[in-house]
Amino acid sequence: VFLTASPEERARRRADELGTDQATVL
């Protein structure tokens, strides 16, 4: 399986996980 998601969705998830700014993560 090759999992993907939109760049914005991926950045939002990672920002939530790290407790950081979404724009920086993107």
PDB file of all heavy atoms in Angstrom:
ATOM      1  N   VAL A   1       0.856  -1.184   0.000  1.00  0.00           N
ATOM      2  CA  VAL A   1       0.000   0.000   0.000  1.00  0.00           C
ATOM      3  C   VAL A   1       0.890   1.232   0.000  1.00  0.00           C
ATOM      4  O   VAL A   1       1.859   1.305   0.767  1.00  0.00           O
ATOM      5  CB  VAL A   1      -0.916   0.027   1.245  1.00  0.00           C
ATOM      6  CG1 VAL A   1      -1.815   1.260   1.220  1.00  0.00           C
ATOM      7  CG2 VAL A   1      -1.759  -1.239   1.323  1.00  0.00           C
ATOM      8  N   PHE A   2       0.572   2.190  -0.882  1.00  0.00           N
ATOM      9  CA  PHE A   2       1.279   3.469  -0.894  1.00  0.00           C
ATOM     10  C   PHE A   2       0.300   4.517  -0.392  1.00  0.00           C
ATOM     11  O   PHE A   2      -0.638   4.895  -1.087  1.00  0.00           O
ATOM     12  CB  PHE A   2       1.773   3.803  -2.297  1.00  0.00           C
ATOM     13  CG  PHE A   2       2.744   4.959  -2.343  1.00  0.00           C
ATOM     14  CD1 PHE A   2       4.091   4.766  -2.072  1.00  0.00           C
ATOM     15  CD2 PHE A   2       2.309   6.249  -2.643  1.00  0.00           C
ATOM     16  CE1 PHE A   2       4.995   5.825  -2.100  1.00  0.00           C
ATOM     17  CE2 PHE A   2       3.197   7.310  -2.682  1.00  0.00           C
ATOM     18  CZ  PHE A   2       4.543   7.102  -2.411  1.00  0.00           C
ATOM     19  N   LEU A   3       0.497   4.934   0.858  1.00  0.00           N
ATOM     20  CA  LEU A   3      -0.401   5.921   1.472  1.00  0.00           C
ATOM     21  C   LEU A   3      -0.016   7.329   1.045  1.00  0.00           C
ATOM     22  O   LEU A   3       1.161   7.692   1.069  1.00  0.00           O
ATOM     23  CB  LEU A   3      -0.312   5.853   2.996  1.00  0.00           C
ATOM     24  CG  LEU A   3      -0.988   4.714   3.750  1.00  0.00           C
ATOM     25  CD1 LEU A   3      -0.922   4.993   5.243  1.00  0.00           C
ATOM     26  CD2 LEU A   3      -2.428   4.521   3.321  1.00  0.00           C
ATOM     27  N   THR A   4      -1.018   8.111   0.661  1.00  0.00           N
ATOM     28  CA  THR A   4      -0.781   9.514   0.354  1.00  0.00           C
ATOM     29  C   THR A   4      -1.865  10.349   1.033  1.00  0.00           C
ATOM     30  O   THR A   4      -2.819   9.807   1.586  1.00  0.00           O
ATOM     31  CB  THR A   4      -0.831   9.789  -1.169  1.00  0.00           C
ATOM     32  OG1 THR A   4      -2.159   9.511  -1.651  1.00  0.00           O
ATOM     33  CG2 THR A   4       0.174   8.955  -1.925  1.00  0.00           C
ATOM     34  N   ALA A   5      -1.694  11.646   0.986  1.00  0.00           N
ATOM     35  CA  ALA A   5      -2.706  12.603   1.427  1.00  0.00           C
ATOM     36  C   ALA A   5      -2.286  13.934   0.822  1.00  0.00           C
ATOM     37  O   ALA A   5      -1.146  14.088   0.387  1.00  0.00           O
ATOM     38  CB  ALA A   5      -2.775  12.681   2.952  1.00  0.00           C
ATOM     39  N   SER A   6      -3.199  14.884   0.779  1.00  0.00           N
ATOM     40  CA  SER A   6      -2.837  16.183   0.225  1.00  0.00           C
ATOM     41  C   SER A   6      -1.736  16.810   1.078  1.00  0.00           C
ATOM     42  O   SER A   6      -1.648  16.536   2.285  1.00  0.00           O
ATOM     43  CB  SER A   6      -4.052  17.114   0.212  1.00  0.00           C
ATOM     44  OG  SER A   6      -4.403  17.476   1.546  1.00  0.00           O
ATOM     45  N   PRO A   7      -0.860  17.638   0.472  1.00  0.00           N
ATOM     46  CA  PRO A   7       0.209  18.275   1.260  1.00  0.00           C
ATOM     47  C   PRO A   7      -0.334  19.028   2.470  1.00  0.00           C
ATOM     48  O   PRO A   7       0.260  18.985   3.557  1.00  0.00           O
ATOM     49  CB  PRO A   7       0.856  19.230   0.247  1.00  0.00           C
ATOM     50  CG  PRO A   7       0.596  18.604  -1.085  1.00  0.00           C
ATOM     51  CD  PRO A   7      -0.757  17.974  -0.959  1.00  0.00           C
ATOM     52  N   GLU A   8      -1.470  19.702   2.294  1.00  0.00           N
ATOM     53  CA  GLU A   8      -2.054  20.470   3.401  1.00  0.00           C
ATOM     54  C   GLU A   8      -2.509  19.549   4.534  1.00  0.00           C
ATOM     55  O   GLU A   8      -2.308  19.841   5.716  1.00  0.00           O
ATOM     56  CB  GLU A   8      -3.237  21.308   2.898  1.00  0.00           C
ATOM     57  CG  GLU A   8      -2.868  22.409   1.916  1.00  0.00           C
ATOM     58  CD  GLU A   8      -2.547  21.893   0.517  1.00  0.00           C
ATOM     59  OE1 GLU A   8      -2.944  20.744   0.189  1.00  0.00           O
ATOM     60  OE2 GLU A   8      -1.895  22.627  -0.242  1.00  0.00           O
ATOM     61  N   GLU A   9      -3.129  18.442   4.168  1.00  0.00           N
ATOM     62  CA  GLU A   9      -3.593  17.477   5.176  1.00  0.00           C
ATOM     63  C   GLU A   9      -2.415  16.851   5.916  1.00  0.00           C
ATOM     64  O   GLU A   9      -2.429  16.700   7.146  1.00  0.00           O
ATOM     65  CB  GLU A   9      -4.426  16.381   4.491  1.00  0.00           C
ATOM     66  CG  GLU A   9      -4.866  15.247   5.402  1.00  0.00           C
ATOM     67  CD  GLU A   9      -6.007  15.622   6.333  1.00  0.00           C
ATOM     68  OE1 GLU A   9      -6.485  16.772   6.275  1.00  0.00           O
ATOM     69  OE2 GLU A   9      -6.410  14.772   7.139  1.00  0.00           O
ATOM     70  N   ARG A  10      -1.373  16.493   5.182  1.00  0.00           N
ATOM     71  CA  ARG A  10      -0.192  15.906   5.805  1.00  0.00           C
ATOM     72  C   ARG A  10       0.448  16.895   6.772  1.00  0.00           C
ATOM     73  O   ARG A  10       0.864  16.530   7.878  1.00  0.00           O
ATOM     74  CB  ARG A  10       0.810  15.476   4.737  1.00  0.00           C
ATOM     75  CG  ARG A  10       0.337  14.262   3.918  1.00  0.00           C
ATOM     76  CD  ARG A  10       1.146  14.096   2.644  1.00  0.00           C
ATOM     77  NE  ARG A  10       2.570  14.155   2.912  1.00  0.00           N
ATOM     78  CZ  ARG A  10       3.474  14.653   2.052  1.00  0.00           C
ATOM     79  NH1 ARG A  10       3.101  15.118   0.883  1.00  0.00           N
ATOM     80  NH2 ARG A  10       4.747  14.651   2.378  1.00  0.00           N
ATOM     81  N   ALA A  11       0.548  18.163   6.346  1.00  0.00           N
ATOM     82  CA  ALA A  11       1.154  19.189   7.200  1.00  0.00           C
ATOM     83  C   ALA A  11       0.302  19.435   8.449  1.00  0.00           C
ATOM     84  O   ALA A  11       0.834  19.620   9.550  1.00  0.00           O
ATOM     85  CB  ALA A  11       1.327  20.483   6.414  1.00  0.00           C
ATOM     86  N   ARG A  12      -1.012  19.424   8.283  1.00  0.00           N
ATOM     87  CA  ARG A  12      -1.898  19.646   9.431  1.00  0.00           C
ATOM     88  C   ARG A  12      -1.712  18.534  10.470  1.00  0.00           C
ATOM     89  O   ARG A  12      -1.595  18.802  11.662  1.00  0.00           O
ATOM     90  CB  ARG A  12      -3.354  19.689   8.962  1.00  0.00           C
ATOM     91  CG  ARG A  12      -4.360  19.952  10.092  1.00  0.00           C
ATOM     92  CD  ARG A  12      -5.781  19.733   9.632  1.00  0.00           C
ATOM     93  NE  ARG A  12      -6.059  18.358   9.265  1.00  0.00           N
ATOM     94  CZ  ARG A  12      -6.204  17.365  10.147  1.00  0.00           C
ATOM     95  NH1 ARG A  12      -6.069  17.591  11.445  1.00  0.00           N
ATOM     96  NH2 ARG A  12      -6.464  16.135   9.732  1.00  0.00           N
ATOM     97  N   ARG A  13      -1.652  17.288   9.989  1.00  0.00           N
ATOM     98  CA  ARG A  13      -1.471  16.154  10.911  1.00  0.00           C
ATOM     99  C   ARG A  13      -0.150  16.240  11.647  1.00  0.00           C
ATOM    100  O   ARG A  13      -0.078  16.035  12.862  1.00  0.00           O
ATOM    101  CB  ARG A  13      -1.517  14.835  10.126  1.00  0.00           C
ATOM    102  CG  ARG A  13      -2.873  14.475   9.568  1.00  0.00           C
ATOM    103  CD  ARG A  13      -2.745  13.249   8.697  1.00  0.00           C
ATOM    104  NE  ARG A  13      -3.982  12.905   8.025  1.00  0.00           N
ATOM    105  CZ  ARG A  13      -4.066  12.038   7.033  1.00  0.00           C
ATOM    106  NH1 ARG A  13      -2.977  11.423   6.600  1.00  0.00           N
ATOM    107  NH2 ARG A  13      -5.222  11.768   6.467  1.00  0.00           N
ATOM    108  N   ARG A  14       0.902  16.539  10.901  1.00  0.00           N
ATOM    109  CA  ARG A  14       2.227  16.598  11.523  1.00  0.00           C
ATOM    110  C   ARG A  14       2.312  17.766  12.505  1.00  0.00           C
ATOM    111  O   ARG A  14       2.912  17.636  13.580  1.00  0.00           O
ATOM    112  CB  ARG A  14       3.297  16.711  10.423  1.00  0.00           C
ATOM    113  CG  ARG A  14       4.748  16.657  10.889  1.00  0.00           C
ATOM    114  CD  ARG A  14       5.059  15.463  11.753  1.00  0.00           C
ATOM    115  NE  ARG A  14       4.835  14.170  11.139  1.00  0.00           N
ATOM    116  CZ  ARG A  14       5.755  13.495  10.473  1.00  0.00           C
ATOM    117  NH1 ARG A  14       6.963  13.988  10.318  1.00  0.00           N
ATOM    118  NH2 ARG A  14       5.483  12.300   9.983  1.00  0.00           N
ATOM    119  N   ALA A  15       1.703  18.902  12.162  1.00  0.00           N
ATOM    120  CA  ALA A  15       1.706  20.065  13.056  1.00  0.00           C
ATOM    121  C   ALA A  15       0.953  19.752  14.346  1.00  0.00           C
ATOM    122  O   ALA A  15       1.391  20.115  15.443  1.00  0.00           O
ATOM    123  CB  ALA A  15       1.082  21.274  12.357  1.00  0.00           C
ATOM    124  N   ASP A  16      -0.178  19.051  14.218  1.00  0.00           N
ATOM    125  CA  ASP A  16      -0.943  18.652  15.412  1.00  0.00           C
ATOM    126  C   ASP A  16      -0.121  17.705  16.287  1.00  0.00           C
ATOM    127  O   ASP A  16      -0.116  17.807  17.509  1.00  0.00           O
ATOM    128  CB  ASP A  16      -2.251  17.950  14.998  1.00  0.00           C
ATOM    129  CG  ASP A  16      -3.271  18.923  14.422  1.00  0.00           C
ATOM    130  OD1 ASP A  16      -3.053  20.144  14.536  1.00  0.00           O
ATOM    131  OD2 ASP A  16      -4.278  18.453  13.836  1.00  0.00           O
ATOM    132  N   GLU A  17       0.587  16.782  15.626  1.00  0.00           N
ATOM    133  CA  GLU A  17       1.392  15.796  16.340  1.00  0.00           C
ATOM    134  C   GLU A  17       2.541  16.452  17.091  1.00  0.00           C
ATOM    135  O   GLU A  17       2.849  16.097  18.230  1.00  0.00           O
ATOM    136  CB  GLU A  17       1.941  14.782  15.320  1.00  0.00           C
ATOM    137  CG  GLU A  17       2.807  13.684  15.883  1.00  0.00           C
ATOM    138  CD  GLU A  17       3.430  12.832  14.777  1.00  0.00           C
ATOM    139  OE1 GLU A  17       2.765  12.592  13.753  1.00  0.00           O
ATOM    140  OE2 GLU A  17       4.607  12.446  14.930  1.00  0.00           O
ATOM    141  N   LEU A  18       3.161  17.447  16.441  1.00  0.00           N
ATOM    142  CA  LEU A  18       4.339  18.098  17.026  1.00  0.00           C
ATOM    143  C   LEU A  18       3.989  19.326  17.860  1.00  0.00           C
ATOM    144  O   LEU A  18       4.848  19.875  18.544  1.00  0.00           O
ATOM    145  CB  LEU A  18       5.313  18.510  15.908  1.00  0.00           C
ATOM    146  CG  LEU A  18       5.880  17.382  15.036  1.00  0.00           C
ATOM    147  CD1 LEU A  18       6.700  17.954  13.897  1.00  0.00           C
ATOM    148  CD2 LEU A  18       6.715  16.421  15.878  1.00  0.00           C
ATOM    149  N   GLY A  19       2.738  19.782  17.743  1.00  0.00           N
ATOM    150  CA  GLY A  19       2.338  20.995  18.454  1.00  0.00           C
ATOM    151  C   GLY A  19       3.044  22.227  17.912  1.00  0.00           C
ATOM    152  O   GLY A  19       3.490  23.090  18.666  1.00  0.00           O
ATOM    153  N   THR A  20       3.148  22.297  16.580  1.00  0.00           N
ATOM    154  CA  THR A  20       3.885  23.402  15.969  1.00  0.00           C
ATOM    155  C   THR A  20       3.058  24.051  14.865  1.00  0.00           C
ATOM    156  O   THR A  20       1.901  23.678  14.636  1.00  0.00           O
ATOM    157  CB  THR A  20       5.247  22.894  15.431  1.00  0.00           C
ATOM    158  OG1 THR A  20       6.028  23.994  15.020  1.00  0.00           O
ATOM    159  CG2 THR A  20       5.062  21.944  14.258  1.00  0.00           C
ATOM    160  N   ASP A  21       3.644  25.014  14.178  1.00  0.00           N
ATOM    161  CA  ASP A  21       2.948  25.812  13.176  1.00  0.00           C
ATOM    162  C   ASP A  21       2.804  25.053  11.855  1.00  0.00           C
ATOM    163  O   ASP A  21       3.778  24.518  11.325  1.00  0.00           O
ATOM    164  CB  ASP A  21       3.752  27.116  12.956  1.00  0.00           C
ATOM    165  CG  ASP A  21       3.196  27.951  11.838  1.00  0.00           C
ATOM    166  OD1 ASP A  21       2.037  28.353  11.932  1.00  0.00           O
ATOM    167  OD2 ASP A  21       3.935  28.189  10.857  1.00  0.00           O
ATOM    168  N   GLN A  22       1.583  25.041  11.295  1.00  0.00           N
ATOM    169  CA  GLN A  22       1.329  24.265  10.081  1.00  0.00           C
ATOM    170  C   GLN A  22       2.100  24.793   8.873  1.00  0.00           C
ATOM    171  O   GLN A  22       2.594  24.015   8.052  1.00  0.00           O
ATOM    172  CB  GLN A  22      -0.175  24.272   9.770  1.00  0.00           C
ATOM    173  CG  GLN A  22      -0.548  23.374   8.590  1.00  0.00           C
ATOM    174  CD  GLN A  22      -2.047  23.259   8.394  1.00  0.00           C
ATOM    175  OE1 GLN A  22      -2.816  23.332   9.356  1.00  0.00           O
ATOM    176  NE2 GLN A  22      -2.474  23.086   7.154  1.00  0.00           N
ATOM    177  N   ALA A  23       2.224  26.129   8.772  1.00  0.00           N
ATOM    178  CA  ALA A  23       2.929  26.711   7.621  1.00  0.00           C
ATOM    179  C   ALA A  23       4.400  26.294   7.624  1.00  0.00           C
ATOM    180  O   ALA A  23       4.977  25.990   6.572  1.00  0.00           O
ATOM    181  CB  ALA A  23       2.814  28.235   7.649  1.00  0.00           C
ATOM    182  N   THR A  24       5.004  26.256   8.807  1.00  0.00           N
ATOM    183  CA  THR A  24       6.402  25.826   8.929  1.00  0.00           C
ATOM    184  C   THR A  24       6.545  24.362   8.531  1.00  0.00           C
ATOM    185  O   THR A  24       7.465  23.988   7.788  1.00  0.00           O
ATOM    186  CB  THR A  24       6.904  26.010  10.382  1.00  0.00           C
ATOM    187  OG1 THR A  24       6.721  27.371  10.758  1.00  0.00           O
ATOM    188  CG2 THR A  24       8.364  25.639  10.515  1.00  0.00           C
ATOM    189  N   VAL A  25       5.619  23.536   9.006  1.00  0.00           N
ATOM    190  CA  VAL A  25       5.653  22.107   8.677  1.00  0.00           C
ATOM    191  C   VAL A  25       5.485  21.902   7.179  1.00  0.00           C
ATOM    192  O   VAL A  25       6.177  21.088   6.566  1.00  0.00           O
ATOM    193  CB  VAL A  25       4.552  21.338   9.446  1.00  0.00           C
ATOM    194  CG1 VAL A  25       4.490  19.892   8.981  1.00  0.00           C
ATOM    195  CG2 VAL A  25       4.817  21.387  10.945  1.00  0.00           C
ATOM    196  N   LEU A  26       4.576  22.669   6.568  1.00  0.00           N
ATOM    197  CA  LEU A  26       4.322  22.540   5.123  1.00  0.00           C
ATOM    198  C   LEU A  26       5.582  22.864   4.331  1.00  0.00           C
ATOM    199  O   LEU A  26       5.928  22.163   3.367  1.00  0.00           O
ATOM    200  CB  LEU A  26       3.172  23.470   4.713  1.00  0.00           C
ATOM    201  CG  LEU A  26       2.646  23.338   3.284  1.00  0.00           C
ATOM    202  CD1 LEU A  26       2.103  21.950   3.021  1.00  0.00           C
ATOM    203  CD2 LEU A  26       1.562  24.384   3.019  1.00  0.00           C
TER     204      LEU A  26
END
